[in-house]
Protein backbone atom coordinates (compact mmCIF):
# COMPACT_ATOMS: atom_id res chain seq x y z
CA UNK A 1 -0.72 8.54 0.36
CA UNK A 2 2.46 7.71 -1.51
CA UNK A 3 2.46 7.63 -5.27
CA UNK A 4 4.45 4.60 -6.36
CA UNK A 5 5.37 2.87 -9.56
CA UNK A 6 5.54 -0.77 -10.47
CA UNK A 7 8.08 -3.31 -11.60
CA UNK A 8 8.73 -4.38 -15.18
CA UNK A 9 5.76 -5.83 -17.07
CA UNK A 10 4.68 -6.82 -20.55
CA UNK A 11 4.28 -3.93 -23.05
CA UNK A 12 0.50 -3.88 -22.70
CA UNK A 13 0.70 -4.16 -18.92
CA UNK A 14 3.28 -1.37 -18.75
CA UNK A 15 1.01 1.09 -20.52
CA UNK A 16 -1.94 0.24 -18.32
CA UNK A 17 0.18 0.56 -15.18
CA UNK A 18 1.60 3.93 -16.29
CA UNK A 19 -1.92 5.21 -16.71
CA UNK A 20 -2.94 3.81 -13.33
CA UNK A 21 0.12 5.37 -11.67
CA UNK A 22 -0.73 8.77 -13.18
CA UNK A 23 -4.28 8.43 -11.91
CA UNK A 24 -3.04 7.66 -8.40
CA UNK A 25 -0.65 10.60 -8.48
CA UNK A 26 -3.39 13.05 -9.47
CA UNK A 27 -5.78 11.53 -6.93
CA UNK A 28 -3.16 12.05 -4.25
CA UNK A 29 -2.83 15.70 -5.32
CA UNK A 30 -6.58 16.17 -4.99
CA UNK A 31 -6.59 14.68 -1.49
CA UNK A 32 -3.50 16.67 -0.50
CA UNK A 33 -5.15 19.90 -1.65
CA UNK A 34 -8.13 19.16 0.61
CA UNK A 35 -5.71 18.51 3.48
CA UNK A 36 -3.79 21.74 2.89
CA UNK A 37 -6.77 24.02 2.21
CA UNK A 38 -9.62 22.42 4.12
CA UNK A 39 -13.07 21.47 2.78
CA UNK A 40 -13.18 22.51 -0.88
CA UNK A 41 -15.64 22.67 -3.74
CA UNK A 42 -15.04 21.02 -7.08
CA UNK A 43 -14.44 24.44 -8.64
CA UNK A 44 -11.88 25.39 -6.00
CA UNK A 45 -9.97 22.15 -6.44
CA UNK A 46 -10.02 22.48 -10.23
CA UNK A 47 -8.64 26.01 -9.99
CA UNK A 48 -5.86 25.10 -7.57
CA UNK A 49 -4.76 21.98 -9.43
CA UNK A 50 -5.22 23.12 -13.03
CA UNK A 51 -7.70 20.34 -13.79
CA UNK A 52 -11.12 20.32 -15.37
CA UNK A 53 -14.05 20.06 -13.01
CA UNK A 54 -15.04 16.79 -14.69
CA UNK A 55 -11.61 15.32 -13.91
CA UNK A 56 -11.80 16.51 -10.30
CA UNK A 57 -15.25 14.94 -9.87
CA UNK A 58 -13.93 11.64 -11.20
CA UNK A 59 -11.07 11.59 -8.70
CA UNK A 60 -13.35 12.69 -5.87
CA UNK A 61 -15.76 9.85 -6.66
CA UNK A 62 -12.87 7.39 -6.26
CA UNK A 63 -11.69 9.06 -3.04
CA UNK A 64 -15.21 8.93 -1.62
CA UNK A 65 -15.44 5.24 -2.52
CA UNK A 66 -12.13 4.65 -0.68
CA UNK A 67 -13.38 6.57 2.39
CA UNK A 68 -10.63 9.18 2.00
CA UNK A 69 -12.97 12.18 1.52
CA UNK A 70 -16.65 12.79 2.12
CA UNK A 71 -19.13 15.30 0.70
CA UNK A 72 -20.88 17.74 3.03
CA UNK A 73 -22.56 21.11 2.95
CA UNK A 74 -20.26 24.05 3.50
CA UNK A 75 -20.79 25.70 6.84
CA UNK A 76 -22.15 29.21 6.56
CA UNK A 77 -21.26 31.72 9.24
CA UNK A 78 -23.59 34.67 9.53
CA UNK A 79 -26.61 35.28 7.28
CA UNK A 80 -27.25 32.52 4.77
CA UNK A 81 -27.31 33.63 1.14
CA UNK A 82 -29.98 32.57 -1.33
CA UNK A 83 -29.75 29.19 -2.98
CA UNK A 84 -28.49 25.85 -1.81
CA UNK A 85 -25.29 25.76 0.26
CA UNK A 86 -22.23 24.77 -1.75
CA UNK A 87 -21.17 21.12 -1.51
CA UNK A 88 -17.61 20.70 -0.32
CA UNK A 89 -15.34 17.70 0.07
CA UNK A 90 -13.51 17.13 3.34
CA UNK A 91 -11.07 14.49 4.56
CA UNK A 92 -12.48 11.64 6.61
CA UNK A 93 -10.64 10.37 9.70
CA UNK A 94 -9.33 7.54 7.53
CA UNK A 95 -8.09 10.00 4.91
CA UNK A 96 -6.37 12.18 7.49
CA UNK A 97 -4.65 9.14 8.99
CA UNK A 98 -3.24 8.34 5.55
CA UNK A 99 -1.28 11.59 5.65
CA UNK A 100 -0.40 11.51 9.31
CA UNK A 101 3.22 10.51 9.77
CA UNK A 102 3.38 11.40 13.49
CA UNK A 103 3.35 7.74 14.50
CA UNK A 104 6.48 6.93 12.47
CA UNK A 105 8.89 8.43 15.01
CA UNK A 106 7.04 6.79 17.88
CA UNK A 107 7.22 3.38 16.18
CA UNK A 108 10.91 3.80 15.34
CA UNK A 109 11.67 4.86 18.90
CA UNK A 110 9.82 1.82 20.23
CA UNK A 111 11.77 -0.51 17.91
CA UNK A 112 15.02 1.11 18.98
CA UNK A 113 14.09 0.64 22.63
CA UNK A 114 13.40 -3.05 22.00
CA UNK A 115 16.80 -3.40 20.33
CA UNK A 116 18.66 -1.62 23.12
CA UNK A 117 16.87 -3.17 26.10
CA UNK A 118 15.68 -6.58 24.97
CA UNK A 119 18.48 -8.19 23.00
CA UNK A 120 19.54 -6.23 19.94
CA UNK A 121 18.59 -7.05 16.33
CA UNK A 122 17.40 -10.52 17.30
CA UNK A 123 14.78 -9.03 19.60
CA UNK A 124 13.57 -6.73 16.82
CA UNK A 125 13.37 -9.71 14.45
CA UNK A 126 11.37 -11.70 17.01
CA UNK A 127 8.96 -8.80 17.44
CA UNK A 128 8.60 -8.43 13.67
CA UNK A 129 7.86 -12.13 13.21
CA UNK A 130 5.26 -12.09 15.98
CA UNK A 131 3.62 -8.98 14.55
CA UNK A 132 3.30 -10.36 11.03
CA UNK A 133 2.25 -13.79 12.27
CA UNK A 134 -0.69 -12.21 14.08
CA UNK A 135 -1.52 -10.04 11.08
CA UNK A 136 -1.35 -13.08 8.77
CA UNK A 137 -4.21 -14.95 10.43
CA UNK A 138 -6.74 -13.20 8.22
CA UNK A 139 -4.51 -13.74 5.17
CA UNK A 140 -4.35 -17.47 5.89
CA UNK A 141 -8.13 -17.76 5.81
CA UNK A 142 -8.27 -15.99 2.45
CA UNK A 143 -5.56 -18.20 0.94
CA UNK A 144 -7.03 -21.45 2.26
CA UNK A 145 -10.27 -20.63 0.45
CA UNK A 146 -8.48 -20.15 -2.89
CA UNK A 147 -7.29 -22.69 -5.45
CA UNK A 148 -3.55 -23.29 -6.01
CA UNK A 149 -3.48 -20.89 -8.97
CA UNK A 150 -5.36 -18.17 -7.09
CA UNK A 151 -3.34 -18.00 -3.89
CA UNK A 152 -1.26 -14.99 -4.91
CA UNK A 153 -4.40 -13.11 -5.96
CA UNK A 154 -6.08 -14.00 -2.66
CA UNK A 155 -3.05 -12.78 -0.70
CA UNK A 156 -2.96 -9.54 -2.72
CA UNK A 157 -6.62 -8.89 -1.98
CA UNK A 158 -6.13 -9.56 1.74
CA UNK A 159 -3.09 -7.26 1.84
CA UNK A 160 -5.06 -4.52 0.09
CA UNK A 161 -7.65 -4.63 2.87
CA UNK A 162 -4.80 -3.78 5.25
CA UNK A 163 -3.71 -0.78 3.18
CA UNK A 164 -0.93 -2.29 1.08
CA UNK A 165 -2.63 -1.65 -2.31
CA UNK A 166 -1.39 -5.02 -3.53
CA UNK A 167 -1.74 -6.72 -6.91
CA UNK A 168 -0.60 -10.07 -8.30
CA UNK A 169 0.32 -10.74 -11.91
CA UNK A 170 2.40 -13.00 -14.08
CA UNK A 171 6.16 -12.51 -13.91
CA UNK A 172 8.03 -11.34 -17.06
CA UNK A 173 8.19 -15.06 -17.89
CA UNK A 174 4.71 -16.10 -16.61
CA UNK A 175 5.48 -19.80 -16.84
CA UNK A 176 8.06 -19.30 -14.07
CA UNK A 177 5.68 -17.75 -11.55
CA UNK A 178 4.02 -14.55 -10.41
CA UNK A 179 4.92 -11.21 -8.91
CA UNK A 180 3.18 -9.86 -5.82
CA UNK A 181 3.37 -6.06 -5.89
CA UNK A 182 2.61 -3.87 -2.87
CA UNK A 183 2.15 -0.31 -4.06
CA UNK A 184 2.01 1.11 -0.55
CA UNK A 185 3.73 0.18 2.69
CA UNK A 186 2.24 1.57 5.92
CA UNK A 187 5.51 0.92 7.78
CA UNK A 188 7.99 1.95 5.09
CA UNK A 189 9.61 4.74 7.11
CA UNK A 190 10.25 2.43 10.06
CA UNK A 191 11.36 -0.45 7.81
CA UNK A 192 14.08 1.81 6.38
CA UNK A 193 15.75 1.65 9.80
CA UNK A 194 14.68 -1.87 10.73
CA UNK A 195 14.85 -4.25 7.73
CA UNK A 196 13.76 -7.07 10.03
CA UNK A 197 10.19 -5.96 9.25
CA UNK A 198 10.65 -6.72 5.54
CA UNK A 199 12.42 -9.99 6.31
CA UNK A 200 9.63 -11.16 8.61
CA UNK A 201 7.00 -10.27 6.03
CA UNK A 202 8.85 -12.27 3.38
CA UNK A 203 9.02 -15.29 5.70
CA UNK A 204 5.28 -15.07 6.34
CA UNK A 205 4.54 -14.89 2.60
CA UNK A 206 6.54 -18.09 2.05
CA UNK A 207 4.75 -19.84 4.88
CA UNK A 208 1.31 -18.75 3.69
CA UNK A 209 1.91 -19.69 0.06
CA UNK A 210 3.70 -22.97 0.79
CA UNK A 211 6.65 -22.15 -1.46
CA UNK A 212 9.89 -20.21 -1.24
CA UNK A 213 9.58 -16.59 -2.38
CA UNK A 214 12.15 -13.99 -3.40
CA UNK A 215 11.90 -10.32 -2.48
CA UNK A 216 13.04 -8.34 -5.51
CA UNK A 217 12.43 -4.79 -4.30
CA UNK A 218 11.07 -2.84 -1.33
CA UNK A 219 9.74 0.66 -0.86
CA UNK A 220 11.80 0.89 2.33
CA UNK A 221 14.90 0.22 0.22
CA UNK A 222 14.07 3.15 -2.06
CA UNK A 223 12.25 1.22 -4.78
CA UNK A 224 8.91 2.39 -6.12
CA UNK A 225 7.04 -0.74 -5.09
CA UNK A 226 7.57 -3.81 -2.93
CA UNK A 227 7.88 -6.75 -5.35
CA UNK A 228 7.99 -10.41 -4.38
CA UNK A 229 8.57 -13.22 -6.88
CA UNK A 230 6.44 -16.32 -6.28
CA UNK A 231 7.61 -19.37 -8.31
CA UNK A 232 5.13 -21.86 -9.65
CA UNK A 233 4.45 -24.30 -6.83
CA UNK A 234 4.95 -27.24 -9.18
CA UNK A 235 8.54 -26.08 -9.75
CA UNK A 236 9.42 -25.89 -6.05
CA UNK A 237 9.87 -28.31 -3.19
CA UNK A 238 7.31 -28.70 -0.44
CA UNK A 239 9.60 -27.01 2.07
CA UNK A 240 9.27 -23.20 2.10
CA UNK A 241 12.37 -21.04 2.41
CA UNK A 242 12.92 -17.33 1.91
CA UNK A 243 15.51 -15.04 0.43
CA UNK A 244 16.89 -11.96 2.09
CA UNK A 245 14.48 -9.02 2.02
CA UNK A 246 15.43 -6.08 -0.17
CA UNK A 247 16.63 -5.79 -3.73
CA UNK A 248 17.40 -8.81 -5.86
CA UNK A 249 20.99 -9.72 -4.89
CA UNK A 250 21.63 -10.58 -8.55
């Protein structure tokens, strides 16, 4: 449930993205309050967070649509009072998993074991490539069904289904290409220690899109969003190559 920003955009786009980022941040606070305090009513959430009940309902509607929280009747212990039971909002299993970081240490330990026992960084890189290659099968189907100018959008949509909250838009100079932005990274904590994960992902993007791509920023590197530059295919050769994952070396 990280709240992340976005890379540079046009003036109009920047304002829209700032608003969207603020919305995500508040929505995360609503979900976090349910996690910390248990099933809660709209009034309870509004009081804890200093929001209006109308604002809380709007964020809850979005969280329900994303399967992060669900509405249910509050359990009553003892004699039931008059009137309808209060409606409360509780985290779903999916919502709880979004906050659960317990698997991060396990994953990092497993990667470290692979490095120590199976051949060092090269073994980790091989594992990362195999993992993303398997994950990319669904992405390939989505991209193959899209036109040349819609491939980045198709990839963003496919990534979003896997929890990356991805978008695609024109680069600061749109005639040069597009930027693929991943606002969430499910493996960011592990990728901080094992950059091979980011490198393998970048390689897969290039292969899927049929053009070289350049990773400008990563959440694992401390940036607010993972940003990948995708040049216009007409301006590139048919052979795909990739840059080093991480910040723009320039």
